[in-house]
Amino acid sequence: MFEERPQQELDSVLKSNPDFRRLYDQHRDLDRKVVNAELGVSPIDDLTLTQMKRAKLAMKDRLARMYDAGLQ
């Protein structure tokens, strides 16, 4: 998710901010579930998949704000 950012910066934020770490881990878990649903590995109805994608996007936006605030 933060591929364009230096890994050292990401590691620093992950270590120093437990809320960021928790949300980052939740986002990764949800991302895996969405990918598995899209590939047909996990059968999920369209409404649930859409809700999962929206939740994932909201997490990503929050993580980006937290990341940027942590570097200032």
C-alpha atoms as a PDB file:
ATOM      1  CA  MET A   1       0.000   0.000   0.000  1.00  0.00           C
ATOM      2  CA  PHE A   2       2.877   2.380   0.695  1.00  0.00           C
ATOM      3  CA  GLU A   3       5.117   1.048  -2.062  1.00  0.00           C
ATOM      4  CA  GLU A   4       6.066   4.541  -3.225  1.00  0.00           C
ATOM      5  CA  ARG A   5       7.294   5.478   0.251  1.00  0.00           C
ATOM      6  CA  PRO A   6      10.725   4.533   1.590  1.00  0.00           C
ATOM      7  CA  GLN A   7      10.533   1.256   3.514  1.00  0.00           C
ATOM      8  CA  GLN A   8      12.584   2.734   6.362  1.00  0.00           C
ATOM      9  CA  GLU A   9       9.977   5.479   6.890  1.00  0.00           C
ATOM     10  CA  LEU A  10       7.131   2.949   6.893  1.00  0.00           C
ATOM     11  CA  ASP A  11       8.970   0.719   9.360  1.00  0.00           C
ATOM     12  CA  SER A  12       9.537   3.701  11.635  1.00  0.00           C
ATOM     13  CA  VAL A  13       5.850   4.665  11.660  1.00  0.00           C
ATOM     14  CA  LEU A  14       4.813   1.037  12.185  1.00  0.00           C
ATOM     15  CA  LYS A  15       7.118   0.773  15.208  1.00  0.00           C
ATOM     16  CA  SER A  16       6.298   4.128  16.768  1.00  0.00           C
ATOM     17  CA  ASN A  17       2.510   4.204  16.312  1.00  0.00           C
ATOM     18  CA  PRO A  18       0.548   1.202  17.624  1.00  0.00           C
ATOM     19  CA  ASP A  19      -2.741   2.560  16.231  1.00  0.00           C
ATOM     20  CA  PHE A  20      -1.197   2.820  12.778  1.00  0.00           C
ATOM     21  CA  ARG A  21       0.185  -0.734  13.093  1.00  0.00           C
ATOM     22  CA  ARG A  22      -3.203  -2.134  14.133  1.00  0.00           C
ATOM     23  CA  LEU A  23      -5.039  -0.392  11.289  1.00  0.00           C
ATOM     24  CA  TYR A  24      -2.292  -1.380   8.807  1.00  0.00           C
ATOM     25  CA  ASP A  25      -2.668  -5.042   9.817  1.00  0.00           C
ATOM     26  CA  GLN A  26      -6.462  -4.841   9.575  1.00  0.00           C
ATOM     27  CA  HIS A  27      -6.157  -3.324   6.092  1.00  0.00           C
ATOM     28  CA  ARG A  28      -3.826  -6.133   4.976  1.00  0.00           C
ATOM     29  CA  ASP A  29      -6.227  -8.774   6.307  1.00  0.00           C
ATOM     30  CA  LEU A  30      -9.194  -7.158   4.599  1.00  0.00           C
ATOM     31  CA  ASP A  31      -7.212  -6.838   1.372  1.00  0.00           C
ATOM     32  CA  ARG A  32      -6.540 -10.589   1.418  1.00  0.00           C
ATOM     33  CA  LYS A  33     -10.238 -11.291   1.943  1.00  0.00           C
ATOM     34  CA  VAL A  34     -11.212  -9.000  -0.954  1.00  0.00           C
ATOM     35  CA  VAL A  35      -8.665 -10.612  -3.280  1.00  0.00           C
ATOM     36  CA  ASN A  36      -9.829 -14.098  -2.300  1.00  0.00           C
ATOM     37  CA  ALA A  37     -13.442 -13.097  -2.923  1.00  0.00           C
ATOM     38  CA  GLU A  38     -12.602 -11.630  -6.328  1.00  0.00           C
ATOM     39  CA  LEU A  39     -10.711 -14.796  -7.293  1.00  0.00           C
ATOM     40  CA  GLY A  40     -13.611 -16.974  -6.164  1.00  0.00           C
ATOM     41  CA  VAL A  41     -11.618 -18.599  -3.371  1.00  0.00           C
ATOM     42  CA  SER A  42     -14.049 -17.270  -0.751  1.00  0.00           C
ATOM     43  CA  PRO A  43     -17.686 -17.117  -1.843  1.00  0.00           C
ATOM     44  CA  ILE A  44     -19.025 -13.689  -0.876  1.00  0.00           C
ATOM     45  CA  ASP A  45     -22.100 -11.923  -2.214  1.00  0.00           C
ATOM     46  CA  ASP A  46     -21.688  -8.701  -4.190  1.00  0.00           C
ATOM     47  CA  LEU A  47     -23.110  -6.472  -1.464  1.00  0.00           C
ATOM     48  CA  THR A  48     -20.673  -7.786   1.142  1.00  0.00           C
ATOM     49  CA  LEU A  49     -17.765  -7.462  -1.280  1.00  0.00           C
ATOM     50  CA  THR A  50     -18.718  -3.854  -2.016  1.00  0.00           C
ATOM     51  CA  GLN A  51     -18.918  -3.099   1.715  1.00  0.00           C
ATOM     52  CA  MET A  52     -15.520  -4.698   2.246  1.00  0.00           C
ATOM     53  CA  LYS A  53     -13.990  -2.624  -0.539  1.00  0.00           C
ATOM     54  CA  ARG A  54     -15.442   0.580   0.921  1.00  0.00           C
ATOM     55  CA  ALA A  55     -14.122  -0.289   4.372  1.00  0.00           C
ATOM     56  CA  LYS A  56     -10.700  -1.046   2.893  1.00  0.00           C
ATOM     57  CA  LEU A  57     -10.646   2.306   1.087  1.00  0.00           C
ATOM     58  CA  ALA A  58     -11.638   4.158   4.269  1.00  0.00           C
ATOM     59  CA  MET A  59      -8.814   2.393   6.127  1.00  0.00           C
ATOM     60  CA  LYS A  60      -6.359   3.301   3.391  1.00  0.00           C
ATOM     61  CA  ASP A  61      -7.375   6.978   3.546  1.00  0.00           C
ATOM     62  CA  ARG A  62      -7.024   7.008   7.328  1.00  0.00           C
ATOM     63  CA  LEU A  63      -3.642   5.276   7.135  1.00  0.00           C
ATOM     64  CA  ALA A  64      -2.401   7.833   4.597  1.00  0.00           C
ATOM     65  CA  ARG A  65      -3.427  10.702   6.886  1.00  0.00           C
ATOM     66  CA  MET A  66      -1.818   9.025   9.907  1.00  0.00           C
ATOM     67  CA  TYR A  67       1.356   8.313   7.916  1.00  0.00           C
ATOM     68  CA  ASP A  68       1.675  11.897   6.721  1.00  0.00           C
ATOM     69  CA  ALA A  69       0.989  13.267  10.216  1.00  0.00           C
ATOM     70  CA  GLY A  70       3.602  10.918  11.698  1.00  0.00           C
ATOM     71  CA  LEU A  71       6.332  12.294   9.456  1.00  0.00           C
ATOM     72  CA  GLN A  72       5.779  15.919  10.420  1.00  0.00           C
END
